[in-house]
Amino acid sequence: MLALYTPAHIQELLELLRAQEENRHGVRLELIVIWLIVVEVVLGFFELLELFGVIGPAGGFPGLHS
């Protein structure tokens, strides 16, 4: 009986699988970096709101009277 896949075919399939897995890993890392940037921007936005007095406790923070 003839073999359906020669060693060269199997090697090519393994290389394709390896490349696909590396690509998937790279995409996952990119998404993590994007989400970290989003979190940083949101935290910075809240920090600006606090700086301008839009958010924060009424009457300011205790112990910070000038």
PDB file of N, CA and C in Angstrom:
ATOM      1  N   MET A   1       0.834  -1.174   0.000  1.00  0.00           N
ATOM      2  CA  MET A   1       0.000   0.000   0.000  1.00  0.00           C
ATOM      3  C   MET A   1       0.881   1.240   0.000  1.00  0.00           C
ATOM      4  N   LEU A   2       0.484   2.239  -0.768  1.00  0.00           N
ATOM      5  CA  LEU A   2       1.249   3.472  -0.866  1.00  0.00           C
ATOM      6  C   LEU A   2       1.008   4.355   0.359  1.00  0.00           C
ATOM      7  N   ALA A   3       2.066   4.995   0.800  1.00  0.00           N
ATOM      8  CA  ALA A   3       1.933   5.932   1.919  1.00  0.00           C
ATOM      9  C   ALA A   3       1.304   7.220   1.399  1.00  0.00           C
ATOM     10  N   LEU A   4       0.341   7.758   2.148  1.00  0.00           N
ATOM     11  CA  LEU A   4      -0.324   8.984   1.724  1.00  0.00           C
ATOM     12  C   LEU A   4       0.578  10.197   1.892  1.00  0.00           C
ATOM     13  N   TYR A   5       1.388  10.178   2.901  1.00  0.00           N
ATOM     14  CA  TYR A   5       2.273  11.314   3.158  1.00  0.00           C
ATOM     15  C   TYR A   5       3.712  10.830   3.216  1.00  0.00           C
ATOM     16  N   THR A   6       4.530  11.482   2.456  1.00  0.00           N
ATOM     17  CA  THR A   6       5.960  11.178   2.493  1.00  0.00           C
ATOM     18  C   THR A   6       6.576  11.966   3.647  1.00  0.00           C
ATOM     19  N   PRO A   7       7.766  11.610   4.058  1.00  0.00           N
ATOM     20  CA  PRO A   7       8.415  12.390   5.122  1.00  0.00           C
ATOM     21  C   PRO A   7       8.516  13.884   4.782  1.00  0.00           C
ATOM     22  N   ALA A   8       8.683  14.223   3.524  1.00  0.00           N
ATOM     23  CA  ALA A   8       8.756  15.637   3.133  1.00  0.00           C
ATOM     24  C   ALA A   8       7.417  16.323   3.369  1.00  0.00           C
ATOM     25  N   HIS A   9       6.320  15.623   3.066  1.00  0.00           N
ATOM     26  CA  HIS A   9       4.997  16.188   3.315  1.00  0.00           C
ATOM     27  C   HIS A   9       4.753  16.395   4.809  1.00  0.00           C
ATOM     28  N   ILE A  10       5.143  15.409   5.589  1.00  0.00           N
ATOM     29  CA  ILE A  10       4.960  15.502   7.040  1.00  0.00           C
ATOM     30  C   ILE A  10       5.782  16.658   7.600  1.00  0.00           C
ATOM     31  N   GLN A  11       7.008  16.804   7.120  1.00  0.00           N
ATOM     32  CA  GLN A  11       7.872  17.898   7.575  1.00  0.00           C
ATOM     33  C   GLN A  11       7.252  19.251   7.228  1.00  0.00           C
ATOM     34  N   GLU A  12       6.697  19.368   6.029  1.00  0.00           N
ATOM     35  CA  GLU A  12       6.060  20.614   5.613  1.00  0.00           C
ATOM     36  C   GLU A  12       4.829  20.917   6.480  1.00  0.00           C
ATOM     37  N   LEU A  13       4.041  19.903   6.787  1.00  0.00           N
ATOM     38  CA  LEU A  13       2.875  20.095   7.654  1.00  0.00           C
ATOM     39  C   LEU A  13       3.296  20.528   9.059  1.00  0.00           C
ATOM     40  N   LEU A  14       4.356  19.930   9.579  1.00  0.00           N
ATOM     41  CA  LEU A  14       4.850  20.320  10.901  1.00  0.00           C
ATOM     42  C   LEU A  14       5.348  21.761  10.908  1.00  0.00           C
ATOM     43  N   GLU A  15       6.020  22.179   9.843  1.00  0.00           N
ATOM     44  CA  GLU A  15       6.487  23.562   9.751  1.00  0.00           C
ATOM     45  C   GLU A  15       5.311  24.540   9.688  1.00  0.00           C
ATOM     46  N   LEU A  16       4.248  24.154   8.979  1.00  0.00           N
ATOM     47  CA  LEU A  16       3.061  25.007   8.921  1.00  0.00           C
ATOM     48  C   LEU A  16       2.398  25.121  10.286  1.00  0.00           C
ATOM     49  N   LEU A  17       2.301  24.010  11.003  1.00  0.00           N
ATOM     50  CA  LEU A  17       1.730  24.030  12.354  1.00  0.00           C
ATOM     51  C   LEU A  17       2.562  24.884  13.298  1.00  0.00           C
ATOM     52  N   ARG A  18       3.884  24.779  13.199  1.00  0.00           N
ATOM     53  CA  ARG A  18       4.773  25.567  14.044  1.00  0.00           C
ATOM     54  C   ARG A  18       4.615  27.051  13.751  1.00  0.00           C
ATOM     55  N   ALA A  19       4.544  27.409  12.480  1.00  0.00           N
ATOM     56  CA  ALA A  19       4.370  28.812  12.098  1.00  0.00           C
ATOM     57  C   ALA A  19       3.026  29.341  12.591  1.00  0.00           C
ATOM     58  N   GLN A  20       1.983  28.528  12.492  1.00  0.00           N
ATOM     59  CA  GLN A  20       0.660  28.943  12.957  1.00  0.00           C
ATOM     60  C   GLN A  20       0.673  29.170  14.469  1.00  0.00           C
ATOM     61  N   GLU A  21       1.329  28.300  15.209  1.00  0.00           N
ATOM     62  CA  GLU A  21       1.396  28.444  16.664  1.00  0.00           C
ATOM     63  C   GLU A  21       2.198  29.678  17.055  1.00  0.00           C
ATOM     64  N   GLU A  22       3.296  29.948  16.356  1.00  0.00           N
ATOM     65  CA  GLU A  22       4.081  31.154  16.633  1.00  0.00           C
ATOM     66  C   GLU A  22       3.258  32.403  16.346  1.00  0.00           C
ATOM     67  N   ASN A  23       2.477  32.386  15.277  1.00  0.00           N
ATOM     68  CA  ASN A  23       1.630  33.517  14.943  1.00  0.00           C
ATOM     69  C   ASN A  23       0.571  33.731  16.022  1.00  0.00           C
ATOM     70  N   ARG A  24      -0.044  32.648  16.489  1.00  0.00           N
ATOM     71  CA  ARG A  24      -1.064  32.738  17.528  1.00  0.00           C
ATOM     72  C   ARG A  24      -0.467  33.322  18.811  1.00  0.00           C
ATOM     73  N   HIS A  25       0.741  32.906  19.143  1.00  0.00           N
ATOM     74  CA  HIS A  25       1.413  33.416  20.336  1.00  0.00           C
ATOM     75  C   HIS A  25       1.694  34.911  20.182  1.00  0.00           C
ATOM     76  N   GLY A  26       2.147  35.323  19.010  1.00  0.00           N
ATOM     77  CA  GLY A  26       2.422  36.736  18.755  1.00  0.00           C
ATOM     78  C   GLY A  26       1.168  37.588  18.850  1.00  0.00           C
ATOM     79  N   VAL A  27       0.062  37.085  18.322  1.00  0.00           N
ATOM     80  CA  VAL A  27      -1.205  37.818  18.384  1.00  0.00           C
ATOM     81  C   VAL A  27      -1.651  37.963  19.835  1.00  0.00           C
ATOM     82  N   ARG A  28      -1.496  36.917  20.615  1.00  0.00           N
ATOM     83  CA  ARG A  28      -1.882  36.977  22.032  1.00  0.00           C
ATOM     84  C   ARG A  28      -1.049  38.020  22.773  1.00  0.00           C
ATOM     85  N   LEU A  29       0.250  38.057  22.514  1.00  0.00           N
ATOM     86  CA  LEU A  29       1.104  39.055  23.154  1.00  0.00           C
ATOM     87  C   LEU A  29       0.706  40.473  22.740  1.00  0.00           C
ATOM     88  N   GLU A  30       0.370  40.660  21.480  1.00  0.00           N
ATOM     89  CA  GLU A  30      -0.065  41.982  21.014  1.00  0.00           C
ATOM     90  C   GLU A  30      -1.346  42.411  21.719  1.00  0.00           C
ATOM     91  N   LEU A  31      -2.281  41.488  21.894  1.00  0.00           N
ATOM     92  CA  LEU A  31      -3.526  41.820  22.588  1.00  0.00           C
ATOM     93  C   LEU A  31      -3.270  42.182  24.053  1.00  0.00           C
ATOM     94  N   ILE A  32      -2.347  41.481  24.686  1.00  0.00           N
ATOM     95  CA  ILE A  32      -2.006  41.812  26.065  1.00  0.00           C
ATOM     96  C   ILE A  32      -1.437  43.223  26.145  1.00  0.00           C
ATOM     97  N   VAL A  33      -0.549  43.564  25.228  1.00  0.00           N
ATOM     98  CA  VAL A  33       0.042  44.905  25.220  1.00  0.00           C
ATOM     99  C   VAL A  33      -1.026  45.963  24.969  1.00  0.00           C
ATOM    100  N   ILE A  34      -1.949  45.710  24.055  1.00  0.00           N
ATOM    101  CA  ILE A  34      -3.019  46.662  23.767  1.00  0.00           C
ATOM    102  C   ILE A  34      -3.876  46.882  25.004  1.00  0.00           C
ATOM    103  N   TRP A  35      -4.234  45.805  25.709  1.00  0.00           N
ATOM    104  CA  TRP A  35      -5.056  45.950  26.913  1.00  0.00           C
ATOM    105  C   TRP A  35      -4.305  46.681  28.016  1.00  0.00           C
ATOM    106  N   LEU A  36      -3.010  46.467  28.140  1.00  0.00           N
ATOM    107  CA  LEU A  36      -2.233  47.199  29.134  1.00  0.00           C
ATOM    108  C   LEU A  36      -2.208  48.691  28.812  1.00  0.00           C
ATOM    109  N   ILE A  37      -2.114  49.031  27.541  1.00  0.00           N
ATOM    110  CA  ILE A  37      -2.150  50.441  27.130  1.00  0.00           C
ATOM    111  C   ILE A  37      -3.515  51.037  27.444  1.00  0.00           C
ATOM    112  N   VAL A  38      -4.587  50.294  27.172  1.00  0.00           N
ATOM    113  CA  VAL A  38      -5.941  50.784  27.472  1.00  0.00           C
ATOM    114  C   VAL A  38      -6.086  51.048  28.971  1.00  0.00           C
ATOM    115  N   VAL A  39      -5.619  50.129  29.799  1.00  0.00           N
ATOM    116  CA  VAL A  39      -5.699  50.311  31.247  1.00  0.00           C
ATOM    117  C   VAL A  39      -4.913  51.557  31.662  1.00  0.00           C
ATOM    118  N   GLU A  40      -3.738  51.744  31.111  1.00  0.00           N
ATOM    119  CA  GLU A  40      -2.916  52.911  31.436  1.00  0.00           C
ATOM    120  C   GLU A  40      -3.610  54.210  31.045  1.00  0.00           C
ATOM    121  N   VAL A  41      -4.253  54.237  29.894  1.00  0.00           N
ATOM    122  CA  VAL A  41      -4.966  55.440  29.445  1.00  0.00           C
ATOM    123  C   VAL A  41      -6.149  55.727  30.368  1.00  0.00           C
ATOM    124  N   VAL A  42      -6.906  54.701  30.734  1.00  0.00           N
ATOM    125  CA  VAL A  42      -8.060  54.900  31.623  1.00  0.00           C
ATOM    126  C   VAL A  42      -7.593  55.408  32.988  1.00  0.00           C
ATOM    127  N   LEU A  43      -6.538  54.817  33.530  1.00  0.00           N
ATOM    128  CA  LEU A  43      -6.020  55.282  34.817  1.00  0.00           C
ATOM    129  C   LEU A  43      -5.524  56.724  34.720  1.00  0.00           C
ATOM    130  N   GLY A  44      -4.874  57.069  33.639  1.00  0.00           N
ATOM    131  CA  GLY A  44      -4.426  58.442  33.430  1.00  0.00           C
ATOM    132  C   GLY A  44      -5.591  59.410  33.333  1.00  0.00           C
ATOM    133  N   PHE A  45      -6.668  58.989  32.692  1.00  0.00           N
ATOM    134  CA  PHE A  45      -7.860  59.817  32.580  1.00  0.00           C
ATOM    135  C   PHE A  45      -8.445  60.101  33.961  1.00  0.00           C
ATOM    136  N   PHE A  46      -8.549  59.067  34.800  1.00  0.00           N
ATOM    137  CA  PHE A  46      -9.061  59.257  36.154  1.00  0.00           C
ATOM    138  C   PHE A  46      -8.130  60.135  36.981  1.00  0.00           C
ATOM    139  N   GLU A  47      -6.840  60.002  36.750  1.00  0.00           N
ATOM    140  CA  GLU A  47      -5.880  60.844  37.463  1.00  0.00           C
ATOM    141  C   GLU A  47      -6.067  62.315  37.073  1.00  0.00           C
ATOM    142  N   LEU A  48      -6.318  62.576  35.797  1.00  0.00           N
ATOM    143  CA  LEU A  48      -6.600  63.945  35.369  1.00  0.00           C
ATOM    144  C   LEU A  48      -7.895  64.466  35.977  1.00  0.00           C
ATOM    145  N   LEU A  49      -8.933  63.639  36.016  1.00  0.00           N
ATOM    146  CA  LEU A  49     -10.192  64.059  36.628  1.00  0.00           C
ATOM    147  C   LEU A  49      -9.994  64.391  38.103  1.00  0.00           C
ATOM    148  N   GLU A  50      -9.174  63.607  38.776  1.00  0.00           N
ATOM    149  CA  GLU A  50      -8.891  63.870  40.179  1.00  0.00           C
ATOM    150  C   GLU A  50      -8.090  65.166  40.327  1.00  0.00           C
ATOM    151  N   LEU A  51      -7.143  65.385  39.442  1.00  0.00           N
ATOM    152  CA  LEU A  51      -6.317  66.586  39.487  1.00  0.00           C
ATOM    153  C   LEU A  51      -7.162  67.846  39.324  1.00  0.00           C
ATOM    154  N   PHE A  52      -8.163  67.809  38.450  1.00  0.00           N
ATOM    155  CA  PHE A  52      -9.026  68.956  38.206  1.00  0.00           C
ATOM    156  C   PHE A  52     -10.193  69.026  39.185  1.00  0.00           C
ATOM    157  N   GLY A  53     -10.250  68.113  40.139  1.00  0.00           N
ATOM    158  CA  GLY A  53     -11.271  68.160  41.162  1.00  0.00           C
ATOM    159  C   GLY A  53     -12.620  67.639  40.735  1.00  0.00           C
ATOM    160  N   VAL A  54     -12.690  66.949  39.614  1.00  0.00           N
ATOM    161  CA  VAL A  54     -13.958  66.397  39.142  1.00  0.00           C
ATOM    162  C   VAL A  54     -14.369  65.196  39.976  1.00  0.00           C
ATOM    163  N   ILE A  55     -13.391  64.395  40.379  1.00  0.00           N
ATOM    164  CA  ILE A  55     -13.669  63.232  41.218  1.00  0.00           C
ATOM    165  C   ILE A  55     -12.844  63.344  42.484  1.00  0.00           C
ATOM    166  N   GLY A  56     -13.223  62.610  43.478  1.00  0.00           N
ATOM    167  CA  GLY A  56     -12.513  62.614  44.759  1.00  0.00           C
ATOM    168  C   GLY A  56     -13.510  62.900  45.866  1.00  0.00           C
ATOM    169  N   PRO A  57     -13.085  62.737  47.085  1.00  0.00           N
ATOM    170  CA  PRO A  57     -13.991  62.962  48.214  1.00  0.00           C
ATOM    171  C   PRO A  57     -14.402  64.433  48.292  1.00  0.00           C
ATOM    172  N   ALA A  58     -15.615  64.654  48.764  1.00  0.00           N
ATOM    173  CA  ALA A  58     -16.108  66.029  48.949  1.00  0.00           C
ATOM    174  C   ALA A  58     -15.253  66.712  49.999  1.00  0.00           C
ATOM    175  N   GLY A  59     -14.810  67.920  49.726  1.00  0.00           N
ATOM    176  CA  GLY A  59     -13.976  68.657  50.665  1.00  0.00           C
ATOM    177  C   GLY A  59     -12.508  68.277  50.597  1.00  0.00           C
ATOM    178  N   GLY A  60     -12.124  67.492  49.651  1.00  0.00           N
ATOM    179  CA  GLY A  60     -10.729  67.114  49.502  1.00  0.00           C
ATOM    180  C   GLY A  60     -10.362  65.911  50.345  1.00  0.00           C
ATOM    181  N   PHE A  61      -9.096  65.585  50.334  1.00  0.00           N
ATOM    182  CA  PHE A  61      -8.594  64.453  51.088  1.00  0.00           C
ATOM    183  C   PHE A  61      -8.189  64.903  52.489  1.00  0.00           C
ATOM    184  N   PRO A  62      -8.466  64.099  53.512  1.00  0.00           N
ATOM    185  CA  PRO A  62      -8.071  64.482  54.874  1.00  0.00           C
ATOM    186  C   PRO A  62      -6.563  64.618  54.997  1.00  0.00           C
ATOM    187  N   GLY A  63      -6.116  65.637  55.704  1.00  0.00           N
ATOM    188  CA  GLY A  63      -4.679  65.824  55.920  1.00  0.00           C
ATOM    189  C   GLY A  63      -3.993  66.579  54.818  1.00  0.00           C
ATOM    190  N   LEU A  64      -4.717  66.989  53.795  1.00  0.00           N
ATOM    191  CA  LEU A  64      -4.106  67.721  52.688  1.00  0.00           C
ATOM    192  C   LEU A  64      -4.612  69.174  52.641  1.00  0.00           C
ATOM    193  N   HIS A  65      -4.832  69.771  53.785  1.00  0.00           N
ATOM    194  CA  HIS A  65      -5.311  71.154  53.828  1.00  0.00           C
ATOM    195  C   HIS A  65      -4.122  72.081  53.623  1.00  0.00           C
ATOM    196  N   SER A  66      -4.341  73.059  52.764  1.00  0.00           N
ATOM    197  CA  SER A  66      -3.216  73.974  52.516  1.00  0.00           C
ATOM    198  C   SER A  66      -3.443  75.338  53.109  1.00  0.00           C
TER     199      SER A  66
END
